């Protein structure tokens, strides 16, 4: 079995963080309240930056678990599913 490089390990950690962020953002989107409005804004920032940076370096969102995900849904009120 081959050993993971630091880059491979970092990518695996990043993927898990982004997947957890996506799940938490979707949960916040499904719930109401001012606290969830703030959560959605924070997750919007994190996920948008991740997608922008991936595009800059030529990575597909599918490579880190965000295939087809559009964080703009977090800007819409009372939407429970990602576009």
PDB file of N, CA and C in Angstrom:
ATOM      1  N   UNK A   1       0.845  -1.169   0.000  1.00  0.00           N
ATOM      2  CA  UNK A   1       0.000   0.000   0.000  1.00  0.00           C
ATOM      3  C   UNK A   1       0.897   1.241   0.000  1.00  0.00           C
ATOM      4  N   UNK A   2       0.548   2.202  -0.833  1.00  0.00           N
ATOM      5  CA  UNK A   2       1.385   3.394  -0.914  1.00  0.00           C
ATOM      6  C   UNK A   2       1.075   4.370   0.215  1.00  0.00           C
ATOM      7  N   UNK A   3       2.076   5.130   0.553  1.00  0.00           N
ATOM      8  CA  UNK A   3       1.943   6.120   1.616  1.00  0.00           C
ATOM      9  C   UNK A   3       1.359   7.409   1.040  1.00  0.00           C
ATOM     10  N   UNK A   4       0.468   8.029   1.791  1.00  0.00           N
ATOM     11  CA  UNK A   4      -0.085   9.310   1.363  1.00  0.00           C
ATOM     12  C   UNK A   4       0.975  10.391   1.467  1.00  0.00           C
ATOM     13  N   UNK A   5       1.012  11.247   0.454  1.00  0.00           N
ATOM     14  CA  UNK A   5       1.881  12.410   0.557  1.00  0.00           C
ATOM     15  C   UNK A   5       1.165  13.466   1.384  1.00  0.00           C
ATOM     16  N   UNK A   6       1.901  14.462   1.807  1.00  0.00           N
ATOM     17  CA  UNK A   6       1.275  15.550   2.559  1.00  0.00           C
ATOM     18  C   UNK A   6       0.219  16.242   1.701  1.00  0.00           C
ATOM     19  N   UNK A   7       0.482  16.373   0.417  1.00  0.00           N
ATOM     20  CA  UNK A   7      -0.497  17.008  -0.482  1.00  0.00           C
ATOM     21  C   UNK A   7      -1.771  16.180  -0.576  1.00  0.00           C
ATOM     22  N   UNK A   8      -1.616  14.854  -0.674  1.00  0.00           N
ATOM     23  CA  UNK A   8      -2.789  13.976  -0.725  1.00  0.00           C
ATOM     24  C   UNK A   8      -3.584  14.075   0.570  1.00  0.00           C
ATOM     25  N   UNK A   9      -2.870  14.084   1.682  1.00  0.00           N
ATOM     26  CA  UNK A   9      -3.536  14.171   2.979  1.00  0.00           C
ATOM     27  C   UNK A   9      -4.241  15.511   3.129  1.00  0.00           C
ATOM     28  N   UNK A  10      -3.597  16.585   2.699  1.00  0.00           N
ATOM     29  CA  UNK A  10      -4.206  17.913   2.786  1.00  0.00           C
ATOM     30  C   UNK A  10      -5.458  17.978   1.924  1.00  0.00           C
ATOM     31  N   UNK A  11      -5.412  17.404   0.734  1.00  0.00           N
ATOM     32  CA  UNK A  11      -6.583  17.392  -0.132  1.00  0.00           C
ATOM     33  C   UNK A  11      -7.717  16.589   0.494  1.00  0.00           C
ATOM     34  N   UNK A  12      -7.403  15.489   1.139  1.00  0.00           N
ATOM     35  CA  UNK A  12      -8.429  14.676   1.803  1.00  0.00           C
ATOM     36  C   UNK A  12      -9.073  15.452   2.950  1.00  0.00           C
ATOM     37  N   UNK A  13      -8.254  16.147   3.730  1.00  0.00           N
ATOM     38  CA  UNK A  13      -8.784  16.959   4.825  1.00  0.00           C
ATOM     39  C   UNK A  13      -9.659  18.073   4.273  1.00  0.00           C
ATOM     40  N   UNK A  14      -9.176  18.756   3.252  1.00  0.00           N
ATOM     41  CA  UNK A  14      -9.945  19.845   2.644  1.00  0.00           C
ATOM     42  C   UNK A  14     -11.282  19.344   2.109  1.00  0.00           C
ATOM     43  N   UNK A  15     -11.272  18.192   1.463  1.00  0.00           N
ATOM     44  CA  UNK A  15     -12.522  17.632   0.944  1.00  0.00           C
ATOM     45  C   UNK A  15     -13.509  17.377   2.074  1.00  0.00           C
ATOM     46  N   UNK A  16     -13.054  16.816   3.174  1.00  0.00           N
ATOM     47  CA  UNK A  16     -13.944  16.541   4.301  1.00  0.00           C
ATOM     48  C   UNK A  16     -14.478  17.830   4.916  1.00  0.00           C
ATOM     49  N   UNK A  17     -13.641  18.850   5.012  1.00  0.00           N
ATOM     50  CA  UNK A  17     -14.081  20.136   5.546  1.00  0.00           C
ATOM     51  C   UNK A  17     -15.143  20.745   4.639  1.00  0.00           C
ATOM     52  N   UNK A  18     -14.925  20.688   3.340  1.00  0.00           N
ATOM     53  CA  UNK A  18     -15.898  21.267   2.408  1.00  0.00           C
ATOM     54  C   UNK A  18     -17.208  20.480   2.389  1.00  0.00           C
ATOM     55  N   UNK A  19     -17.118  19.169   2.474  1.00  0.00           N
ATOM     56  CA  UNK A  19     -18.343  18.364   2.533  1.00  0.00           C
ATOM     57  C   UNK A  19     -19.122  18.655   3.814  1.00  0.00           C
ATOM     58  N   UNK A  20     -18.419  18.774   4.930  1.00  0.00           N
ATOM     59  CA  UNK A  20     -19.081  19.119   6.194  1.00  0.00           C
ATOM     60  C   UNK A  20     -19.695  20.509   6.112  1.00  0.00           C
ATOM     61  N   UNK A  21     -18.993  21.436   5.473  1.00  0.00           N
ATOM     62  CA  UNK A  21     -19.527  22.791   5.294  1.00  0.00           C
ATOM     63  C   UNK A  21     -20.783  22.771   4.446  1.00  0.00           C
ATOM     64  N   UNK A  22     -20.760  21.994   3.387  1.00  0.00           N
ATOM     65  CA  UNK A  22     -21.940  21.901   2.525  1.00  0.00           C
ATOM     66  C   UNK A  22     -23.128  21.332   3.284  1.00  0.00           C
ATOM     67  N   UNK A  23     -22.893  20.255   4.024  1.00  0.00           N
ATOM     68  CA  UNK A  23     -23.992  19.652   4.801  1.00  0.00           C
ATOM     69  C   UNK A  23     -24.542  20.638   5.831  1.00  0.00           C
ATOM     70  N   UNK A  24     -23.662  21.329   6.519  1.00  0.00           N
ATOM     71  CA  UNK A  24     -24.099  22.295   7.532  1.00  0.00           C
ATOM     72  C   UNK A  24     -24.831  23.469   6.882  1.00  0.00           C
ATOM     73  N   UNK A  25     -24.373  23.901   5.729  1.00  0.00           N
ATOM     74  CA  UNK A  25     -25.043  24.992   5.015  1.00  0.00           C
ATOM     75  C   UNK A  25     -26.448  24.570   4.595  1.00  0.00           C
ATOM     76  N   UNK A  26     -26.573  23.352   4.098  1.00  0.00           N
ATOM     77  CA  UNK A  26     -27.887  22.858   3.694  1.00  0.00           C
ATOM     78  C   UNK A  26     -28.821  22.736   4.897  1.00  0.00           C
ATOM     79  N   UNK A  27     -28.272  22.333   6.031  1.00  0.00           N
ATOM     80  CA  UNK A  27     -29.079  22.253   7.260  1.00  0.00           C
ATOM     81  C   UNK A  27     -29.532  23.653   7.676  1.00  0.00           C
ATOM     82  N   UNK A  28     -28.615  24.613   7.651  1.00  0.00           N
ATOM     83  CA  UNK A  28     -28.962  25.992   8.012  1.00  0.00           C
ATOM     84  C   UNK A  28     -29.995  26.559   7.054  1.00  0.00           C
ATOM     85  N   UNK A  29     -29.905  26.175   5.780  1.00  0.00           N
ATOM     86  CA  UNK A  29     -30.860  26.654   4.779  1.00  0.00           C
ATOM     87  C   UNK A  29     -32.258  26.110   5.051  1.00  0.00           C
ATOM     88  N   UNK A  30     -32.326  24.920   5.611  1.00  0.00           N
ATOM     89  CA  UNK A  30     -33.617  24.282   5.861  1.00  0.00           C
ATOM     90  C   UNK A  30     -34.300  24.810   7.124  1.00  0.00           C
ATOM     91  N   UNK A  31     -33.559  25.551   7.949  1.00  0.00           N
ATOM     92  CA  UNK A  31     -34.109  26.046   9.204  1.00  0.00           C
ATOM     93  C   UNK A  31     -34.234  27.560   9.169  1.00  0.00           C
ATOM     94  N   UNK A  32     -35.092  28.095  10.014  1.00  0.00           N
ATOM     95  CA  UNK A  32     -35.280  29.547  10.041  1.00  0.00           C
ATOM     96  C   UNK A  32     -34.605  30.141  11.271  1.00  0.00           C
ATOM     97  N   UNK A  33     -34.603  31.455  11.336  1.00  0.00           N
ATOM     98  CA  UNK A  33     -34.040  32.159  12.481  1.00  0.00           C
ATOM     99  C   UNK A  33     -32.822  32.974  12.100  1.00  0.00           C
ATOM    100  N   UNK A  34     -32.591  34.006  12.912  1.00  0.00           N
ATOM    101  CA  UNK A  34     -31.481  34.912  12.638  1.00  0.00           C
ATOM    102  C   UNK A  34     -30.126  34.220  12.717  1.00  0.00           C
ATOM    103  N   UNK A  35     -29.970  33.285  13.633  1.00  0.00           N
ATOM    104  CA  UNK A  35     -28.705  32.577  13.757  1.00  0.00           C
ATOM    105  C   UNK A  35     -28.379  31.832  12.464  1.00  0.00           C
ATOM    106  N   UNK A  36     -29.385  31.190  11.879  1.00  0.00           N
ATOM    107  CA  UNK A  36     -29.170  30.457  10.636  1.00  0.00           C
ATOM    108  C   UNK A  36     -28.875  31.378   9.466  1.00  0.00           C
ATOM    109  N   UNK A  37     -29.387  32.603   9.509  1.00  0.00           N
ATOM    110  CA  UNK A  37     -29.045  33.589   8.481  1.00  0.00           C
ATOM    111  C   UNK A  37     -27.537  33.852   8.521  1.00  0.00           C
ATOM    112  N   UNK A  38     -27.001  34.011   9.720  1.00  0.00           N
ATOM    113  CA  UNK A  38     -25.562  34.216   9.879  1.00  0.00           C
ATOM    114  C   UNK A  38     -24.746  33.004   9.457  1.00  0.00           C
ATOM    115  N   UNK A  39     -25.226  31.828   9.815  1.00  0.00           N
ATOM    116  CA  UNK A  39     -24.536  30.602   9.399  1.00  0.00           C
ATOM    117  C   UNK A  39     -24.488  30.496   7.890  1.00  0.00           C
ATOM    118  N   UNK A  40     -25.617  30.758   7.249  1.00  0.00           N
ATOM    119  CA  UNK A  40     -25.666  30.674   5.787  1.00  0.00           C
ATOM    120  C   UNK A  40     -24.676  31.641   5.154  1.00  0.00           C
ATOM    121  N   UNK A  41     -24.563  32.847   5.706  1.00  0.00           N
ATOM    122  CA  UNK A  41     -23.621  33.832   5.175  1.00  0.00           C
ATOM    123  C   UNK A  41     -22.185  33.330   5.313  1.00  0.00           C
ATOM    124  N   UNK A  42     -21.876  32.748   6.454  1.00  0.00           N
ATOM    125  CA  UNK A  42     -20.522  32.234   6.675  1.00  0.00           C
ATOM    126  C   UNK A  42     -20.211  31.072   5.731  1.00  0.00           C
ATOM    127  N   UNK A  43     -21.138  30.136   5.629  1.00  0.00           N
ATOM    128  CA  UNK A  43     -20.908  29.002   4.733  1.00  0.00           C
ATOM    129  C   UNK A  43     -20.872  29.445   3.275  1.00  0.00           C
ATOM    130  N   UNK A  44     -21.662  30.428   2.925  1.00  0.00           N
ATOM    131  CA  UNK A  44     -21.616  30.986   1.571  1.00  0.00           C
ATOM    132  C   UNK A  44     -20.200  31.484   1.274  1.00  0.00           C
ATOM    133  N   UNK A  45     -19.627  32.238   2.206  1.00  0.00           N
ATOM    134  CA  UNK A  45     -18.275  32.766   2.006  1.00  0.00           C
ATOM    135  C   UNK A  45     -17.258  31.639   1.836  1.00  0.00           C
ATOM    136  N   UNK A  46     -17.291  30.665   2.711  1.00  0.00           N
ATOM    137  CA  UNK A  46     -16.326  29.563   2.671  1.00  0.00           C
ATOM    138  C   UNK A  46     -16.454  28.773   1.364  1.00  0.00           C
ATOM    139  N   UNK A  47     -17.673  28.400   1.019  1.00  0.00           N
ATOM    140  CA  UNK A  47     -17.870  27.565  -0.160  1.00  0.00           C
ATOM    141  C   UNK A  47     -17.609  28.334  -1.451  1.00  0.00           C
ATOM    142  N   UNK A  48     -17.932  29.605  -1.476  1.00  0.00           N
ATOM    143  CA  UNK A  48     -17.671  30.420  -2.664  1.00  0.00           C
ATOM    144  C   UNK A  48     -16.172  30.575  -2.889  1.00  0.00           C
ATOM    145  N   UNK A  49     -15.432  30.856  -1.827  1.00  0.00           N
ATOM    146  CA  UNK A  49     -13.980  30.984  -1.958  1.00  0.00           C
ATOM    147  C   UNK A  49     -13.374  29.660  -2.427  1.00  0.00           C
ATOM    148  N   UNK A  50     -13.825  28.551  -1.879  1.00  0.00           N
ATOM    149  CA  UNK A  50     -13.305  27.243  -2.294  1.00  0.00           C
ATOM    150  C   UNK A  50     -13.538  27.009  -3.780  1.00  0.00           C
ATOM    151  N   UNK A  51     -14.737  27.306  -4.256  1.00  0.00           N
ATOM    152  CA  UNK A  51     -15.041  27.101  -5.675  1.00  0.00           C
ATOM    153  C   UNK A  51     -14.249  28.056  -6.561  1.00  0.00           C
ATOM    154  N   UNK A  52     -14.096  29.295  -6.140  1.00  0.00           N
ATOM    155  CA  UNK A  52     -13.324  30.264  -6.920  1.00  0.00           C
ATOM    156  C   UNK A  52     -11.856  29.859  -7.009  1.00  0.00           C
ATOM    157  N   UNK A  53     -11.281  29.458  -5.885  1.00  0.00           N
ATOM    158  CA  UNK A  53      -9.875  29.068  -5.871  1.00  0.00           C
ATOM    159  C   UNK A  53      -9.646  27.793  -6.681  1.00  0.00           C
ATOM    160  N   UNK A  54     -10.577  26.868  -6.609  1.00  0.00           N
ATOM    161  CA  UNK A  54     -10.465  25.641  -7.401  1.00  0.00           C
ATOM    162  C   UNK A  54     -10.459  25.974  -8.887  1.00  0.00           C
ATOM    163  N   UNK A  55     -11.324  26.883  -9.282  1.00  0.00           N
ATOM    164  CA  UNK A  55     -11.371  27.276 -10.691  1.00  0.00           C
ATOM    165  C   UNK A  55     -10.047  27.908 -11.123  1.00  0.00           C
ATOM    166  N   UNK A  56      -9.473  28.728 -10.259  1.00  0.00           N
ATOM    167  CA  UNK A  56      -8.200  29.390 -10.583  1.00  0.00           C
ATOM    168  C   UNK A  56      -7.072  28.399 -10.842  1.00  0.00           C
ATOM    169  N   UNK A  57      -7.074  27.277 -10.126  1.00  0.00           N
ATOM    170  CA  UNK A  57      -6.000  26.296 -10.300  1.00  0.00           C
ATOM    171  C   UNK A  57      -6.412  25.112 -11.168  1.00  0.00           C
ATOM    172  N   UNK A  58      -7.588  25.198 -11.774  1.00  0.00           N
ATOM    173  CA  UNK A  58      -8.025  24.168 -12.710  1.00  0.00           C
ATOM    174  C   UNK A  58      -8.560  22.898 -12.087  1.00  0.00           C
ATOM    175  N   UNK A  59      -9.040  22.972 -10.855  1.00  0.00           N
ATOM    176  CA  UNK A  59      -9.661  21.803 -10.222  1.00  0.00           C
ATOM    177  C   UNK A  59     -11.161  21.811 -10.476  1.00  0.00           C
ATOM    178  N   UNK A  60     -11.690  20.658 -10.714  1.00  0.00           N
ATOM    179  CA  UNK A  60     -13.133  20.509 -10.850  1.00  0.00           C
ATOM    180  C   UNK A  60     -13.750  20.395  -9.458  1.00  0.00           C
ATOM    181  N   UNK A  61     -14.909  21.035  -9.222  1.00  0.00           N
ATOM    182  CA  UNK A  61     -15.584  20.871  -7.934  1.00  0.00           C
ATOM    183  C   UNK A  61     -15.856  19.398  -7.583  1.00  0.00           C
ATOM    184  N   UNK A  62     -15.982  18.560  -8.588  1.00  0.00           N
ATOM    185  CA  UNK A  62     -16.212  17.137  -8.344  1.00  0.00           C
ATOM    186  C   UNK A  62     -15.031  16.496  -7.617  1.00  0.00           C
ATOM    187  N   UNK A  63     -13.842  17.080  -7.769  1.00  0.00           N
ATOM    188  CA  UNK A  63     -12.654  16.515  -7.140  1.00  0.00           C
ATOM    189  C   UNK A  63     -12.631  16.704  -5.630  1.00  0.00           C
ATOM    190  N   UNK A  64     -13.503  17.579  -5.120  1.00  0.00           N
ATOM    191  CA  UNK A  64     -13.543  17.771  -3.672  1.00  0.00           C
ATOM    192  C   UNK A  64     -14.970  17.823  -3.145  1.00  0.00           C
ATOM    193  N   UNK A  65     -15.863  17.097  -3.819  1.00  0.00           N
ATOM    194  CA  UNK A  65     -17.200  16.874  -3.284  1.00  0.00           C
ATOM    195  C   UNK A  65     -18.232  17.965  -3.500  1.00  0.00           C
ATOM    196  N   UNK A  66     -17.952  18.924  -4.370  1.00  0.00           N
ATOM    197  CA  UNK A  66     -18.920  19.996  -4.593  1.00  0.00           C
ATOM    198  C   UNK A  66     -19.470  20.012  -6.019  1.00  0.00           C
ATOM    199  N   UNK A  67     -19.433  18.877  -6.696  1.00  0.00           N
ATOM    200  CA  UNK A  67     -19.962  18.793  -8.051  1.00  0.00           C
ATOM    201  C   UNK A  67     -21.428  19.236  -8.071  1.00  0.00           C
ATOM    202  N   UNK A  68     -21.727  20.193  -8.924  1.00  0.00           N
ATOM    203  CA  UNK A  68     -23.094  20.650  -9.092  1.00  0.00           C
ATOM    204  C   UNK A  68     -23.621  21.531  -7.974  1.00  0.00           C
ATOM    205  N   UNK A  69     -22.796  21.821  -6.982  1.00  0.00           N
ATOM    206  CA  UNK A  69     -23.272  22.629  -5.863  1.00  0.00           C
ATOM    207  C   UNK A  69     -23.124  24.113  -6.184  1.00  0.00           C
ATOM    208  N   UNK A  70     -24.164  24.877  -5.896  1.00  0.00           N
ATOM    209  CA  UNK A  70     -24.159  26.313  -6.119  1.00  0.00           C
ATOM    210  C   UNK A  70     -24.435  27.014  -4.784  1.00  0.00           C
ATOM    211  N   UNK A  71     -23.418  27.630  -4.178  1.00  0.00           N
ATOM    212  CA  UNK A  71     -23.631  28.275  -2.893  1.00  0.00           C
ATOM    213  C   UNK A  71     -24.580  29.468  -2.951  1.00  0.00           C
ATOM    214  N   UNK A  72     -24.907  29.944  -4.140  1.00  0.00           N
ATOM    215  CA  UNK A  72     -25.857  31.052  -4.260  1.00  0.00           C
ATOM    216  C   UNK A  72     -27.218  30.705  -3.665  1.00  0.00           C
ATOM    217  N   UNK A  73     -27.541  29.417  -3.554  1.00  0.00           N
ATOM    218  CA  UNK A  73     -28.824  29.036  -2.951  1.00  0.00           C
ATOM    219  C   UNK A  73     -28.906  29.505  -1.501  1.00  0.00           C
ATOM    220  N   UNK A  74     -27.753  29.718  -0.878  1.00  0.00           N
ATOM    221  CA  UNK A  74     -27.736  30.160   0.506  1.00  0.00           C
ATOM    222  C   UNK A  74     -28.187  31.612   0.645  1.00  0.00           C
ATOM    223  N   UNK A  75     -28.203  32.333  -0.451  1.00  0.00           N
ATOM    224  CA  UNK A  75     -28.646  33.718  -0.423  1.00  0.00           C
ATOM    225  C   UNK A  75     -30.161  33.845  -0.544  1.00  0.00           C
ATOM    226  N   UNK A  76     -30.803  32.751  -0.909  1.00  0.00           N
ATOM    227  CA  UNK A  76     -32.257  32.752  -1.059  1.00  0.00           C
ATOM    228  C   UNK A  76     -32.923  32.305   0.239  1.00  0.00           C
ATOM    229  N   UNK A  77     -34.003  32.960   0.616  1.00  0.00           N
ATOM    230  CA  UNK A  77     -34.694  32.537   1.833  1.00  0.00           C
ATOM    231  C   UNK A  77     -35.475  31.232   1.643  1.00  0.00           C
ATOM    232  N   UNK A  78     -35.478  30.428   2.692  1.00  0.00           N
ATOM    233  CA  UNK A  78     -36.308  29.226   2.763  1.00  0.00           C
ATOM    234  C   UNK A  78     -36.137  28.254   1.605  1.00  0.00           C
ATOM    235  N   UNK A  79     -34.931  28.073   1.158  1.00  0.00           N
ATOM    236  CA  UNK A  79     -34.630  27.053   0.154  1.00  0.00           C
ATOM    237  C   UNK A  79     -33.958  25.907   0.871  1.00  0.00           C
ATOM    238  N   UNK A  80     -34.452  24.701   0.703  1.00  0.00           N
ATOM    239  CA  UNK A  80     -33.865  23.589   1.447  1.00  0.00           C
ATOM    240  C   UNK A  80     -32.957  22.717   0.602  1.00  0.00           C
ATOM    241  N   UNK A  81     -32.909  22.929  -0.715  1.00  0.00           N
ATOM    242  CA  UNK A  81     -32.076  22.084  -1.558  1.00  0.00           C
ATOM    243  C   UNK A  81     -31.150  22.939  -2.395  1.00  0.00           C
ATOM    244  N   UNK A  82     -29.964  22.393  -2.639  1.00  0.00           N
ATOM    245  CA  UNK A  82     -28.996  23.100  -3.479  1.00  0.00           C
ATOM    246  C   UNK A  82     -29.405  22.988  -4.939  1.00  0.00           C
ATOM    247  N   UNK A  83     -29.115  24.022  -5.690  1.00  0.00           N
ATOM    248  CA  UNK A  83     -29.436  24.023  -7.121  1.00  0.00           C
ATOM    249  C   UNK A  83     -28.447  23.194  -7.888  1.00  0.00           C
TER     250      UNK A  83
END
